C-alpha atoms as a PDB file:
ATOM      1  CA  UNK A   1      14.814  32.140 -15.044  1.00  0.00           C
ATOM      2  CA  UNK A   2      13.125  30.324 -18.197  1.00  0.00           C
ATOM      3  CA  UNK A   3       9.898  30.650 -17.181  1.00  0.00           C
ATOM      4  CA  UNK A   4      10.487  34.312 -16.698  1.00  0.00           C
ATOM      5  CA  UNK A   5       6.596  35.763 -17.816  1.00  0.00           C
ATOM      6  CA  UNK A   6       4.689  32.713 -17.866  1.00  0.00           C
ATOM      7  CA  UNK A   7       2.103  32.045 -15.208  1.00  0.00           C
ATOM      8  CA  UNK A   8       3.013  28.802 -12.899  1.00  0.00           C
ATOM      9  CA  UNK A   9       0.426  26.706 -13.922  1.00  0.00           C
ATOM     10  CA  UNK A  10       1.501  26.824 -17.871  1.00  0.00           C
ATOM     11  CA  UNK A  11       4.712  26.261 -17.066  1.00  0.00           C
ATOM     12  CA  UNK A  12       4.434  22.976 -15.291  1.00  0.00           C
ATOM     13  CA  UNK A  13       1.499  22.227 -17.821  1.00  0.00           C
ATOM     14  CA  UNK A  14       4.616  22.512 -20.770  1.00  0.00           C
ATOM     15  CA  UNK A  15       6.926  20.475 -17.923  1.00  0.00           C
ATOM     16  CA  UNK A  16       4.684  17.653 -17.984  1.00  0.00           C
ATOM     17  CA  UNK A  17       4.008  17.837 -21.480  1.00  0.00           C
ATOM     18  CA  UNK A  18       7.735  17.991 -22.108  1.00  0.00           C
ATOM     19  CA  UNK A  19       8.033  14.767 -20.210  1.00  0.00           C
ATOM     20  CA  UNK A  20       5.454  12.805 -22.067  1.00  0.00           C
ATOM     21  CA  UNK A  21       2.786  12.955 -19.487  1.00  0.00           C
ATOM     22  CA  UNK A  22      -0.765  13.602 -20.532  1.00  0.00           C
ATOM     23  CA  UNK A  23      -3.465  16.087 -17.957  1.00  0.00           C
ATOM     24  CA  UNK A  24      -5.339  12.256 -17.407  1.00  0.00           C
ATOM     25  CA  UNK A  25      -2.598  10.422 -16.685  1.00  0.00           C
ATOM     26  CA  UNK A  26      -1.551  12.752 -13.805  1.00  0.00           C
ATOM     27  CA  UNK A  27      -4.960  12.545 -12.285  1.00  0.00           C
ATOM     28  CA  UNK A  28      -4.443   8.762 -12.138  1.00  0.00           C
ATOM     29  CA  UNK A  29      -1.010   8.911 -10.791  1.00  0.00           C
ATOM     30  CA  UNK A  30      -2.220  11.259  -7.925  1.00  0.00           C
ATOM     31  CA  UNK A  31      -5.646   8.613  -7.649  1.00  0.00           C
ATOM     32  CA  UNK A  32      -3.372   5.736  -7.623  1.00  0.00           C
ATOM     33  CA  UNK A  33      -0.838   7.377  -4.818  1.00  0.00           C
ATOM     34  CA  UNK A  34      -3.269   8.276  -2.738  1.00  0.00           C
ATOM     35  CA  UNK A  35      -4.714   4.247  -2.762  1.00  0.00           C
ATOM     36  CA  UNK A  36      -1.768   3.209  -2.152  1.00  0.00           C
ATOM     37  CA  UNK A  37      -1.281   5.128   1.055  1.00  0.00           C
ATOM     38  CA  UNK A  38      -4.317   4.897   2.048  1.00  0.00           C
ATOM     39  CA  UNK A  39      -3.830   0.772   2.087  1.00  0.00           C
ATOM     40  CA  UNK A  40      -0.563   0.972   3.492  1.00  0.00           C
ATOM     41  CA  UNK A  41      -2.198   3.049   6.536  1.00  0.00           C
ATOM     42  CA  UNK A  42      -4.273  -0.009   6.865  1.00  0.00           C
ATOM     43  CA  UNK A  43      -1.516  -2.880   6.162  1.00  0.00           C
ATOM     44  CA  UNK A  44       0.175  -0.815   8.760  1.00  0.00           C
ATOM     45  CA  UNK A  45      -2.508  -0.820  11.355  1.00  0.00           C
ATOM     46  CA  UNK A  46      -4.167  -3.841  11.000  1.00  0.00           C
ATOM     47  CA  UNK A  47      -0.864  -6.299  12.853  1.00  0.00           C
ATOM     48  CA  UNK A  48      -1.055  -3.741  15.618  1.00  0.00           C
ATOM     49  CA  UNK A  49      -4.550  -4.863  16.590  1.00  0.00           C
ATOM     50  CA  UNK A  50      -2.756  -8.038  16.467  1.00  0.00           C
ATOM     51  CA  UNK A  51      -0.104  -7.288  18.919  1.00  0.00           C
ATOM     52  CA  UNK A  52      -2.990  -5.881  21.056  1.00  0.00           C
ATOM     53  CA  UNK A  53      -5.051  -9.129  20.561  1.00  0.00           C
ATOM     54  CA  UNK A  54      -1.929 -11.419  21.887  1.00  0.00           C
ATOM     55  CA  UNK A  55      -1.359  -9.285  24.732  1.00  0.00           C
ATOM     56  CA  UNK A  56      -5.338  -9.687  25.685  1.00  0.00           C
ATOM     57  CA  UNK A  57      -5.971 -11.974  29.059  1.00  0.00           C
ATOM     58  CA  UNK A  58      -8.398 -15.025  28.604  1.00  0.00           C
ATOM     59  CA  UNK A  59     -10.943 -13.150  30.850  1.00  0.00           C
ATOM     60  CA  UNK A  60     -10.883 -10.140  29.283  1.00  0.00           C
ATOM     61  CA  UNK A  61     -13.781 -11.472  26.745  1.00  0.00           C
ATOM     62  CA  UNK A  62     -15.498  -7.659  25.925  1.00  0.00           C
ATOM     63  CA  UNK A  63     -11.878  -6.180  25.392  1.00  0.00           C
ATOM     64  CA  UNK A  64     -11.355  -8.906  22.834  1.00  0.00           C
ATOM     65  CA  UNK A  65     -14.581  -8.773  21.075  1.00  0.00           C
ATOM     66  CA  UNK A  66     -14.162  -4.964  20.589  1.00  0.00           C
ATOM     67  CA  UNK A  67     -10.093  -5.648  18.956  1.00  0.00           C
ATOM     68  CA  UNK A  68     -11.791  -8.238  16.620  1.00  0.00           C
ATOM     69  CA  UNK A  69     -14.222  -6.361  15.633  1.00  0.00           C
ATOM     70  CA  UNK A  70     -12.236  -3.236  14.741  1.00  0.00           C
ATOM     71  CA  UNK A  71      -9.591  -5.837  13.198  1.00  0.00           C
ATOM     72  CA  UNK A  72     -12.798  -7.375  10.864  1.00  0.00           C
ATOM     73  CA  UNK A  73     -13.520  -3.549  10.294  1.00  0.00           C
ATOM     74  CA  UNK A  74     -10.214  -2.147   8.940  1.00  0.00           C
ATOM     75  CA  UNK A  75      -9.682  -5.323   7.224  1.00  0.00           C
ATOM     76  CA  UNK A  76     -12.953  -4.567   4.917  1.00  0.00           C
ATOM     77  CA  UNK A  77     -12.019  -0.930   4.690  1.00  0.00           C
ATOM     78  CA  UNK A  78      -8.296  -2.135   3.541  1.00  0.00           C
ATOM     79  CA  UNK A  79      -9.692  -4.245   0.589  1.00  0.00           C
ATOM     80  CA  UNK A  80     -11.527  -1.332  -0.574  1.00  0.00           C
ATOM     81  CA  UNK A  81      -8.494   0.930  -0.625  1.00  0.00           C
ATOM     82  CA  UNK A  82      -6.511  -2.083  -1.836  1.00  0.00           C
ATOM     83  CA  UNK A  83      -8.672  -2.799  -5.198  1.00  0.00           C
ATOM     84  CA  UNK A  84      -8.596   1.010  -6.840  1.00  0.00           C
ATOM     85  CA  UNK A  85      -4.649   1.199  -5.718  1.00  0.00           C
ATOM     86  CA  UNK A  86      -4.129  -1.703  -7.936  1.00  0.00           C
ATOM     87  CA  UNK A  87      -6.654  -0.700 -10.493  1.00  0.00           C
ATOM     88  CA  UNK A  88      -4.577   2.707 -11.003  1.00  0.00           C
ATOM     89  CA  UNK A  89      -1.595   1.288 -10.461  1.00  0.00           C
ATOM     90  CA  UNK A  90      -2.716  -1.218 -13.897  1.00  0.00           C
ATOM     91  CA  UNK A  91      -4.091   1.357 -15.422  1.00  0.00           C
ATOM     92  CA  UNK A  92      -0.506   3.511 -15.508  1.00  0.00           C
ATOM     93  CA  UNK A  93       1.005   0.195 -16.337  1.00  0.00           C
ATOM     94  CA  UNK A  94      -0.769  -0.725 -19.132  1.00  0.00           C
ATOM     95  CA  UNK A  95      -3.072   2.003 -20.342  1.00  0.00           C
ATOM     96  CA  UNK A  96      -0.144   4.858 -19.983  1.00  0.00           C
ATOM     97  CA  UNK A  97       2.929   2.087 -20.708  1.00  0.00           C
ATOM     98  CA  UNK A  98       4.808   3.901 -17.360  1.00  0.00           C
ATOM     99  CA  UNK A  99       7.523   1.063 -16.752  1.00  0.00           C
ATOM    100  CA  UNK A 100       7.315  -0.510 -19.897  1.00  0.00           C
ATOM    101  CA  UNK A 101       9.586  -1.093 -22.412  1.00  0.00           C
ATOM    102  CA  UNK A 102      13.548  -1.705 -22.266  1.00  0.00           C
ATOM    103  CA  UNK A 103      15.506  -0.551 -19.371  1.00  0.00           C
ATOM    104  CA  UNK A 104      12.559  -0.317 -16.530  1.00  0.00           C
ATOM    105  CA  UNK A 105      13.640  -3.619 -15.012  1.00  0.00           C
ATOM    106  CA  UNK A 106      12.820  -1.448 -11.745  1.00  0.00           C
ATOM    107  CA  UNK A 107       9.117  -2.068 -12.778  1.00  0.00           C
ATOM    108  CA  UNK A 108       9.898  -5.628 -12.858  1.00  0.00           C
ATOM    109  CA  UNK A 109      10.843  -5.711  -9.112  1.00  0.00           C
ATOM    110  CA  UNK A 110       8.125  -3.235  -8.240  1.00  0.00           C
ATOM    111  CA  UNK A 111       5.458  -5.646  -9.185  1.00  0.00           C
ATOM    112  CA  UNK A 112       7.078  -8.427  -7.552  1.00  0.00           C
ATOM    113  CA  UNK A 113       6.929  -6.212  -4.685  1.00  0.00           C
ATOM    114  CA  UNK A 114       3.473  -5.358  -4.839  1.00  0.00           C
ATOM    115  CA  UNK A 115       2.633  -9.373  -5.411  1.00  0.00           C
ATOM    116  CA  UNK A 116       4.366  -9.452  -1.777  1.00  0.00           C
ATOM    117  CA  UNK A 117       1.929  -6.639  -0.429  1.00  0.00           C
ATOM    118  CA  UNK A 118      -0.802  -8.517  -1.916  1.00  0.00           C
ATOM    119  CA  UNK A 119       0.208 -11.663   0.116  1.00  0.00           C
ATOM    120  CA  UNK A 120       0.500 -10.254   3.110  1.00  0.00           C
ATOM    121  CA  UNK A 121      -2.730  -8.432   2.905  1.00  0.00           C
ATOM    122  CA  UNK A 122      -4.110 -11.697   2.357  1.00  0.00           C
ATOM    123  CA  UNK A 123      -2.231 -13.219   5.393  1.00  0.00           C
ATOM    124  CA  UNK A 124      -3.758 -10.748   7.182  1.00  0.00           C
ATOM    125  CA  UNK A 125      -7.221 -12.035   6.801  1.00  0.00           C
ATOM    126  CA  UNK A 126      -6.073 -15.645   7.192  1.00  0.00           C
ATOM    127  CA  UNK A 127      -4.306 -14.469  10.396  1.00  0.00           C
ATOM    128  CA  UNK A 128      -7.206 -12.469  11.922  1.00  0.00           C
ATOM    129  CA  UNK A 129      -9.470 -16.051  11.047  1.00  0.00           C
ATOM    130  CA  UNK A 130      -7.191 -17.388  13.952  1.00  0.00           C
ATOM    131  CA  UNK A 131      -7.325 -14.887  16.083  1.00  0.00           C
ATOM    132  CA  UNK A 132     -11.174 -15.123  15.892  1.00  0.00           C
ATOM    133  CA  UNK A 133     -11.362 -19.073  15.935  1.00  0.00           C
ATOM    134  CA  UNK A 134      -8.762 -18.497  19.170  1.00  0.00           C
ATOM    135  CA  UNK A 135      -6.400 -20.050  17.759  1.00  0.00           C
ATOM    136  CA  UNK A 136      -3.543 -17.062  17.799  1.00  0.00           C
ATOM    137  CA  UNK A 137       0.074 -19.073  18.754  1.00  0.00           C
ATOM    138  CA  UNK A 138       1.914 -16.173  18.267  1.00  0.00           C
ATOM    139  CA  UNK A 139       3.608 -14.023  21.168  1.00  0.00           C
ATOM    140  CA  UNK A 140       2.884 -10.052  20.864  1.00  0.00           C
ATOM    141  CA  UNK A 141       6.801  -9.634  20.160  1.00  0.00           C
ATOM    142  CA  UNK A 142       6.626 -11.899  17.511  1.00  0.00           C
ATOM    143  CA  UNK A 143       3.262  -9.746  15.629  1.00  0.00           C
ATOM    144  CA  UNK A 144       5.419  -6.746  16.260  1.00  0.00           C
ATOM    145  CA  UNK A 145       8.256  -7.612  14.190  1.00  0.00           C
ATOM    146  CA  UNK A 146       5.261  -9.349  11.790  1.00  0.00           C
ATOM    147  CA  UNK A 147       4.140  -5.328  11.538  1.00  0.00           C
ATOM    148  CA  UNK A 148       7.301  -3.965  10.564  1.00  0.00           C
ATOM    149  CA  UNK A 149       6.929  -5.763   7.004  1.00  0.00           C
ATOM    150  CA  UNK A 150       4.676  -3.471   5.109  1.00  0.00           C
ATOM    151  CA  UNK A 151       6.570  -0.909   6.109  1.00  0.00           C
ATOM    152  CA  UNK A 152       9.840  -2.590   4.087  1.00  0.00           C
ATOM    153  CA  UNK A 153       7.198  -3.037   1.590  1.00  0.00           C
ATOM    154  CA  UNK A 154       6.559   1.050   0.902  1.00  0.00           C
ATOM    155  CA  UNK A 155       9.989   1.657   1.085  1.00  0.00           C
ATOM    156  CA  UNK A 156      11.002  -0.755  -1.542  1.00  0.00           C
ATOM    157  CA  UNK A 157       8.754   0.019  -3.824  1.00  0.00           C
ATOM    158  CA  UNK A 158       9.062   3.706  -3.135  1.00  0.00           C
ATOM    159  CA  UNK A 159      12.787   3.621  -4.212  1.00  0.00           C
ATOM    160  CA  UNK A 160      12.299   1.838  -7.412  1.00  0.00           C
ATOM    161  CA  UNK A 161       9.834   3.954  -8.482  1.00  0.00           C
ATOM    162  CA  UNK A 162      11.640   7.267  -7.303  1.00  0.00           C
ATOM    163  CA  UNK A 163      14.901   5.816  -8.114  1.00  0.00           C
ATOM    164  CA  UNK A 164      14.620   3.563 -10.864  1.00  0.00           C
ATOM    165  CA  UNK A 165      17.695   1.460  -9.984  1.00  0.00           C
ATOM    166  CA  UNK A 166      18.122  -0.883 -12.701  1.00  0.00           C
END
């Protein structure tokens, strides 16, 4: 075993240093991952509320108002989570140079996925405004399909970052 005689923390630190990673960068990366996961949790659930709103009968005013309140709070909280996710990601990219330089085409694709995720987030806000104004024209089935978009975005982002296919 190559690390015989060394404690585990020192071994992991040596591996991180050998890869060009620094301890502060690993903290930034960890926070980025946590905030991205939290942001996407909101993006997974908000369209689920749209599904429920689309199914509310017109006479169920209290149910509709409760779901609208939940959606408003979730959108606000999800937006607050998106900001540090994006800031830490930019810090990794611009501050530490992750994904910069030749041979990092995966980063261009990931940035496109991030732009799509921001667009999806913005679209959710506009959709919520339509539900509030009672101008939804789509069925709960359509919203179920819409709900799958962030799953595909997260899948694409993770594959690009981990596999780095190009």
